[in-house]
Amino acid sequence: MAYKITIKQGNIIQEEADFIVNASNTKLILGSGVSMAFKRHCGIALQKELVELLQKYQPIEQGAVIVSSSGAASNFKYALHAAIMNYNSGVKFHQKKPTLQTIATVLENIEAIILQHSNNFFKIALPLMGCGVGGLNKYEVVSLYKEFFSKAISKEVEVVIYGYTKIDYDLIKEIFKDKQ
């Protein structure tokens, strides 16, 4: 089976899904961008859960993915917190930002989580990770998504890729035009 790709524009946090990916950081702080949307939609209890998960898993390396509940949200089951920004102690300025390899590692980790679950069908919503504060080139990130999600997988997985703006949506549509 192959990944089924759907492309949407808007607020990812509203998607009905099994998993919604939060482009987060190594401290699991729900601070800005997609993370702030999670905090507002899922409630403060989610941040408290993340503090507990941080204590369990720290240090969290850049590229890791931590699974949490959806907090107070009822439209998705789990949040996948992708450690995009590196806020660990001793990390200096430009080292905090992700690389395309960070995004590739996150995608591999997300796939490993999906493959570990007993369900055979999943729907996952994914933002353009690393393109906000992380400063990655959107074209390069979307091209990486296309390459990654072109391979076969043993489960039926619908991946909904969100472009927050019309420009982002149009870019994703253009890159994936032969995959839909």
C-alpha atoms as a PDB file:
ATOM      1  CA  MET A   1       0.000   0.000   0.000  1.00  0.00           C
ATOM      2  CA  ALA A   2       1.027   3.582  -0.492  1.00  0.00           C
ATOM      3  CA  TYR A   3       0.359   6.675   1.536  1.00  0.00           C
ATOM      4  CA  LYS A   4      -2.769   8.528   0.384  1.00  0.00           C
ATOM      5  CA  ILE A   5      -2.102  12.258   0.244  1.00  0.00           C
ATOM      6  CA  THR A   6      -4.729  14.944   0.824  1.00  0.00           C
ATOM      7  CA  ILE A   7      -3.843  18.623   0.746  1.00  0.00           C
ATOM      8  CA  LYS A   8      -5.793  21.271   2.640  1.00  0.00           C
ATOM      9  CA  GLN A   9      -5.519  24.925   3.502  1.00  0.00           C
ATOM     10  CA  GLY A  10      -6.297  26.306   6.926  1.00  0.00           C
ATOM     11  CA  ASN A  11      -5.898  25.500  10.586  1.00  0.00           C
ATOM     12  CA  ILE A  12      -4.550  21.975  11.069  1.00  0.00           C
ATOM     13  CA  ILE A  13      -5.877  21.741  14.628  1.00  0.00           C
ATOM     14  CA  GLN A  14      -9.461  21.467  13.327  1.00  0.00           C
ATOM     15  CA  GLU A  15      -8.787  18.257  11.353  1.00  0.00           C
ATOM     16  CA  GLU A  16     -10.629  15.029  12.256  1.00  0.00           C
ATOM     17  CA  ALA A  17      -7.747  12.545  12.541  1.00  0.00           C
ATOM     18  CA  ASP A  18      -6.063   9.835  14.549  1.00  0.00           C
ATOM     19  CA  PHE A  19      -2.868  11.893  14.865  1.00  0.00           C
ATOM     20  CA  ILE A  20      -2.106  15.571  14.415  1.00  0.00           C
ATOM     21  CA  VAL A  21       1.550  16.551  14.269  1.00  0.00           C
ATOM     22  CA  ASN A  22       2.712  19.467  16.381  1.00  0.00           C
ATOM     23  CA  ALA A  23       5.901  21.079  15.094  1.00  0.00           C
ATOM     24  CA  SER A  24       7.358  21.494  18.578  1.00  0.00           C
ATOM     25  CA  ASN A  25      10.709  21.677  20.317  1.00  0.00           C
ATOM     26  CA  THR A  26      12.947  19.599  22.566  1.00  0.00           C
ATOM     27  CA  LYS A  27      11.393  21.135  25.709  1.00  0.00           C
ATOM     28  CA  LEU A  28       7.806  20.381  24.549  1.00  0.00           C
ATOM     29  CA  ILE A  29       6.775  23.983  25.214  1.00  0.00           C
ATOM     30  CA  LEU A  30       3.496  24.949  23.554  1.00  0.00           C
ATOM     31  CA  GLY A  31       4.676  28.426  22.700  1.00  0.00           C
ATOM     32  CA  SER A  32       4.003  29.732  19.180  1.00  0.00           C
ATOM     33  CA  GLY A  33       2.748  28.773  15.752  1.00  0.00           C
ATOM     34  CA  VAL A  34       1.244  25.284  15.544  1.00  0.00           C
ATOM     35  CA  SER A  35       2.186  24.653  19.191  1.00  0.00           C
ATOM     36  CA  MET A  36       0.159  27.661  20.328  1.00  0.00           C
ATOM     37  CA  ALA A  37      -2.804  26.389  18.324  1.00  0.00           C
ATOM     38  CA  PHE A  38      -2.485  23.085  20.202  1.00  0.00           C
ATOM     39  CA  LYS A  39      -2.413  24.910  23.545  1.00  0.00           C
ATOM     40  CA  ARG A  40      -5.534  26.900  22.712  1.00  0.00           C
ATOM     41  CA  HIS A  41      -7.464  23.952  21.246  1.00  0.00           C
ATOM     42  CA  CYS A  42      -6.399  21.169  23.626  1.00  0.00           C
ATOM     43  CA  GLY A  43      -6.302  23.124  26.876  1.00  0.00           C
ATOM     44  CA  ILE A  44      -3.683  23.723  29.532  1.00  0.00           C
ATOM     45  CA  ALA A  45      -3.917  20.074  30.644  1.00  0.00           C
ATOM     46  CA  LEU A  46      -1.985  19.134  27.509  1.00  0.00           C
ATOM     47  CA  GLN A  47       0.962  21.331  28.560  1.00  0.00           C
ATOM     48  CA  LYS A  48       0.900  19.659  31.992  1.00  0.00           C
ATOM     49  CA  GLU A  49       0.980  16.230  30.305  1.00  0.00           C
ATOM     50  CA  LEU A  50       3.924  17.367  28.197  1.00  0.00           C
ATOM     51  CA  VAL A  51       5.841  18.452  31.321  1.00  0.00           C
ATOM     52  CA  GLU A  52       5.389  14.923  32.688  1.00  0.00           C
ATOM     53  CA  LEU A  53       6.484  13.381  29.375  1.00  0.00           C
ATOM     54  CA  LEU A  54       9.552  15.636  29.305  1.00  0.00           C
ATOM     55  CA  GLN A  55      10.569  14.394  32.760  1.00  0.00           C
ATOM     56  CA  LYS A  56      10.193  10.818  31.520  1.00  0.00           C
ATOM     57  CA  TYR A  57      12.065  11.205  28.206  1.00  0.00           C
ATOM     58  CA  GLN A  58      14.522  14.039  28.705  1.00  0.00           C
ATOM     59  CA  PRO A  59      16.738  14.927  27.151  1.00  0.00           C
ATOM     60  CA  ILE A  60      14.663  14.855  23.987  1.00  0.00           C
ATOM     61  CA  GLU A  61      16.827  14.986  20.900  1.00  0.00           C
ATOM     62  CA  GLN A  62      16.031  17.100  17.869  1.00  0.00           C
ATOM     63  CA  GLY A  63      14.061  14.909  15.423  1.00  0.00           C
ATOM     64  CA  ALA A  64      12.382  12.839  18.136  1.00  0.00           C
ATOM     65  CA  VAL A  65       8.594  12.432  18.200  1.00  0.00           C
ATOM     66  CA  ILE A  66       6.696  12.186  21.488  1.00  0.00           C
ATOM     67  CA  VAL A  67       3.119  10.873  21.605  1.00  0.00           C
ATOM     68  CA  SER A  68       0.574  12.510  23.918  1.00  0.00           C
ATOM     69  CA  SER A  69      -3.169  12.547  24.307  1.00  0.00           C
ATOM     70  CA  SER A  70      -5.198  15.197  22.534  1.00  0.00           C
ATOM     71  CA  GLY A  71      -5.995  16.900  25.826  1.00  0.00           C
ATOM     72  CA  ALA A  72      -9.452  18.466  25.728  1.00  0.00           C
ATOM     73  CA  ALA A  73      -9.743  18.109  21.933  1.00  0.00           C
ATOM     74  CA  SER A  74     -12.290  15.623  20.616  1.00  0.00           C
ATOM     75  CA  ASN A  75     -11.479  15.764  16.880  1.00  0.00           C
ATOM     76  CA  PHE A  76      -8.257  13.720  17.103  1.00  0.00           C
ATOM     77  CA  LYS A  77      -6.927  10.920  19.324  1.00  0.00           C
ATOM     78  CA  TYR A  78      -3.233  11.668  19.723  1.00  0.00           C
ATOM     79  CA  ALA A  79      -0.792  14.499  19.257  1.00  0.00           C
ATOM     80  CA  LEU A  80       2.632  13.738  17.824  1.00  0.00           C
ATOM     81  CA  HIS A  81       5.056  16.358  19.131  1.00  0.00           C
ATOM     82  CA  ALA A  82       7.952  16.591  16.691  1.00  0.00           C
ATOM     83  CA  ALA A  83      11.100  18.076  18.242  1.00  0.00           C
ATOM     84  CA  ILE A  84      11.927  20.510  15.442  1.00  0.00           C
ATOM     85  CA  MET A  85      13.651  23.316  17.385  1.00  0.00           C
ATOM     86  CA  ASN A  86      16.505  22.329  19.689  1.00  0.00           C
ATOM     87  CA  TYR A  87      16.115  24.093  23.037  1.00  0.00           C
ATOM     88  CA  ASN A  88      18.392  21.738  24.998  1.00  0.00           C
ATOM     89  CA  SER A  89      21.048  23.183  27.325  1.00  0.00           C
ATOM     90  CA  GLY A  90      24.254  24.296  25.670  1.00  0.00           C
ATOM     91  CA  VAL A  91      22.772  24.609  22.185  1.00  0.00           C
ATOM     92  CA  LYS A  92      23.743  27.928  20.632  1.00  0.00           C
ATOM     93  CA  PHE A  93      21.862  30.187  18.212  1.00  0.00           C
ATOM     94  CA  HIS A  94      21.934  28.639  14.695  1.00  0.00           C
ATOM     95  CA  GLN A  95      22.214  25.115  16.187  1.00  0.00           C
ATOM     96  CA  LYS A  96      18.685  25.514  17.578  1.00  0.00           C
ATOM     97  CA  LYS A  97      17.217  25.528  14.061  1.00  0.00           C
ATOM     98  CA  PRO A  98      16.286  22.374  12.158  1.00  0.00           C
ATOM     99  CA  THR A  99      17.812  20.999   8.984  1.00  0.00           C
ATOM    100  CA  LEU A 100      16.137  18.961   6.270  1.00  0.00           C
ATOM    101  CA  GLN A 101      17.698  15.928   7.978  1.00  0.00           C
ATOM    102  CA  THR A 102      15.773  16.874  11.148  1.00  0.00           C
ATOM    103  CA  ILE A 103      12.527  16.752   9.161  1.00  0.00           C
ATOM    104  CA  ALA A 104      13.515  13.426   7.537  1.00  0.00           C
ATOM    105  CA  THR A 105      14.211  11.974  10.997  1.00  0.00           C
ATOM    106  CA  VAL A 106      10.827  13.201  12.254  1.00  0.00           C
ATOM    107  CA  LEU A 107       9.053  11.567   9.298  1.00  0.00           C
ATOM    108  CA  GLU A 108      10.845   8.272   9.974  1.00  0.00           C
ATOM    109  CA  ASN A 109       9.888   8.474  13.657  1.00  0.00           C
ATOM    110  CA  ILE A 110       6.245   9.212  12.813  1.00  0.00           C
ATOM    111  CA  GLU A 111       6.176   6.224  10.482  1.00  0.00           C
ATOM    112  CA  ALA A 112       7.666   3.993  13.214  1.00  0.00           C
ATOM    113  CA  ILE A 113       4.895   5.074  15.614  1.00  0.00           C
ATOM    114  CA  ILE A 114       2.227   4.280  13.019  1.00  0.00           C
ATOM    115  CA  LEU A 115       3.736   0.870  12.293  1.00  0.00           C
ATOM    116  CA  GLN A 116       3.789  -0.016  16.017  1.00  0.00           C
ATOM    117  CA  HIS A 117       0.019   0.491  16.383  1.00  0.00           C
ATOM    118  CA  SER A 118      -2.294  -2.452  15.836  1.00  0.00           C
ATOM    119  CA  ASN A 119      -4.758  -0.500  13.658  1.00  0.00           C
ATOM    120  CA  ASN A 120      -4.414  -0.925   9.914  1.00  0.00           C
ATOM    121  CA  PHE A 121      -5.859   2.465   8.934  1.00  0.00           C
ATOM    122  CA  PHE A 122      -4.675   5.848  10.159  1.00  0.00           C
ATOM    123  CA  LYS A 123      -5.313   9.447   9.288  1.00  0.00           C
ATOM    124  CA  ILE A 124      -2.572  11.869  10.181  1.00  0.00           C
ATOM    125  CA  ALA A 125      -2.464  15.656   9.720  1.00  0.00           C
ATOM    126  CA  LEU A 126       0.886  17.294   9.112  1.00  0.00           C
ATOM    127  CA  PRO A 127       1.949  20.972   8.967  1.00  0.00           C
ATOM    128  CA  LEU A 128       4.938  22.327   7.058  1.00  0.00           C
ATOM    129  CA  MET A 129       7.439  21.485   9.793  1.00  0.00           C
ATOM    130  CA  GLY A 130      10.438  23.732  10.313  1.00  0.00           C
ATOM    131  CA  CYS A 131       9.228  26.440   7.936  1.00  0.00           C
ATOM    132  CA  GLY A 132       8.117  28.999  10.546  1.00  0.00           C
ATOM    133  CA  VAL A 133      10.586  29.928  13.272  1.00  0.00           C
ATOM    134  CA  GLY A 134      12.845  27.136  11.974  1.00  0.00           C
ATOM    135  CA  GLY A 135      13.389  29.045   8.726  1.00  0.00           C
ATOM    136  CA  LEU A 136      13.505  26.052   6.378  1.00  0.00           C
ATOM    137  CA  ASN A 137      12.654  26.499   2.720  1.00  0.00           C
ATOM    138  CA  LYS A 138       9.039  25.437   2.131  1.00  0.00           C
ATOM    139  CA  TYR A 139       9.738  24.076  -1.343  1.00  0.00           C
ATOM    140  CA  GLU A 140      12.486  21.821   0.027  1.00  0.00           C
ATOM    141  CA  VAL A 141      10.328  20.593   2.924  1.00  0.00           C
ATOM    142  CA  VAL A 142       7.352  19.808   0.675  1.00  0.00           C
ATOM    143  CA  SER A 143       9.666  18.049  -1.791  1.00  0.00           C
ATOM    144  CA  LEU A 144      11.001  15.951   1.092  1.00  0.00           C
ATOM    145  CA  TYR A 145       7.414  15.085   2.088  1.00  0.00           C
ATOM    146  CA  LYS A 146       6.672  14.024  -1.492  1.00  0.00           C
ATOM    147  CA  GLU A 147       9.713  11.772  -1.642  1.00  0.00           C
ATOM    148  CA  PHE A 148       9.030  10.233   1.788  1.00  0.00           C
ATOM    149  CA  PHE A 149       5.333   9.600   1.228  1.00  0.00           C
ATOM    150  CA  SER A 150       5.910   8.091  -2.231  1.00  0.00           C
ATOM    151  CA  LYS A 151       7.089   4.809  -0.751  1.00  0.00           C
ATOM    152  CA  ALA A 152       4.988   1.801   0.193  1.00  0.00           C
ATOM    153  CA  ILE A 153       3.809   1.131   3.740  1.00  0.00           C
ATOM    154  CA  SER A 154       2.142  -1.946   5.220  1.00  0.00           C
ATOM    155  CA  LYS A 155      -0.861   0.005   6.518  1.00  0.00           C
ATOM    156  CA  GLU A 156      -3.444   2.252   4.952  1.00  0.00           C
ATOM    157  CA  VAL A 157      -2.417   5.777   5.920  1.00  0.00           C
ATOM    158  CA  GLU A 158      -4.028   9.007   4.782  1.00  0.00           C
ATOM    159  CA  VAL A 159      -1.691  11.952   5.241  1.00  0.00           C
ATOM    160  CA  VAL A 160      -3.344  15.368   5.218  1.00  0.00           C
ATOM    161  CA  ILE A 161      -0.736  18.016   4.538  1.00  0.00           C
ATOM    162  CA  TYR A 162      -1.778  21.485   5.602  1.00  0.00           C
ATOM    163  CA  GLY A 163      -0.747  24.776   4.099  1.00  0.00           C
ATOM    164  CA  TYR A 164      -1.806  27.501   6.484  1.00  0.00           C
ATOM    165  CA  THR A 165      -1.879  30.200   3.811  1.00  0.00           C
ATOM    166  CA  LYS A 166      -3.157  30.062   0.233  1.00  0.00           C
ATOM    167  CA  ILE A 167       0.424  30.474  -0.997  1.00  0.00           C
ATOM    168  CA  ASP A 168       1.538  27.440   1.059  1.00  0.00           C
ATOM    169  CA  TYR A 169      -1.461  25.430  -0.117  1.00  0.00           C
ATOM    170  CA  ASP A 170      -0.744  26.279  -3.769  1.00  0.00           C
ATOM    171  CA  LEU A 171       2.914  25.296  -3.362  1.00  0.00           C
ATOM    172  CA  ILE A 172       1.998  21.904  -1.847  1.00  0.00           C
ATOM    173  CA  LYS A 173      -0.607  21.283  -4.584  1.00  0.00           C
ATOM    174  CA  GLU A 174       1.939  22.103  -7.287  1.00  0.00           C
ATOM    175  CA  ILE A 175       4.624  19.790  -5.890  1.00  0.00           C
ATOM    176  CA  PHE A 176       2.160  16.929  -5.314  1.00  0.00           C
ATOM    177  CA  LYS A 177       0.179  17.448  -8.550  1.00  0.00           C
ATOM    178  CA  ASP A 178       1.105  14.003  -9.919  1.00  0.00           C
ATOM    179  CA  LYS A 179       0.410  12.205  -6.617  1.00  0.00           C
ATOM    180  CA  GLN A 180      -3.275  13.057  -6.173  1.00  0.00           C
END
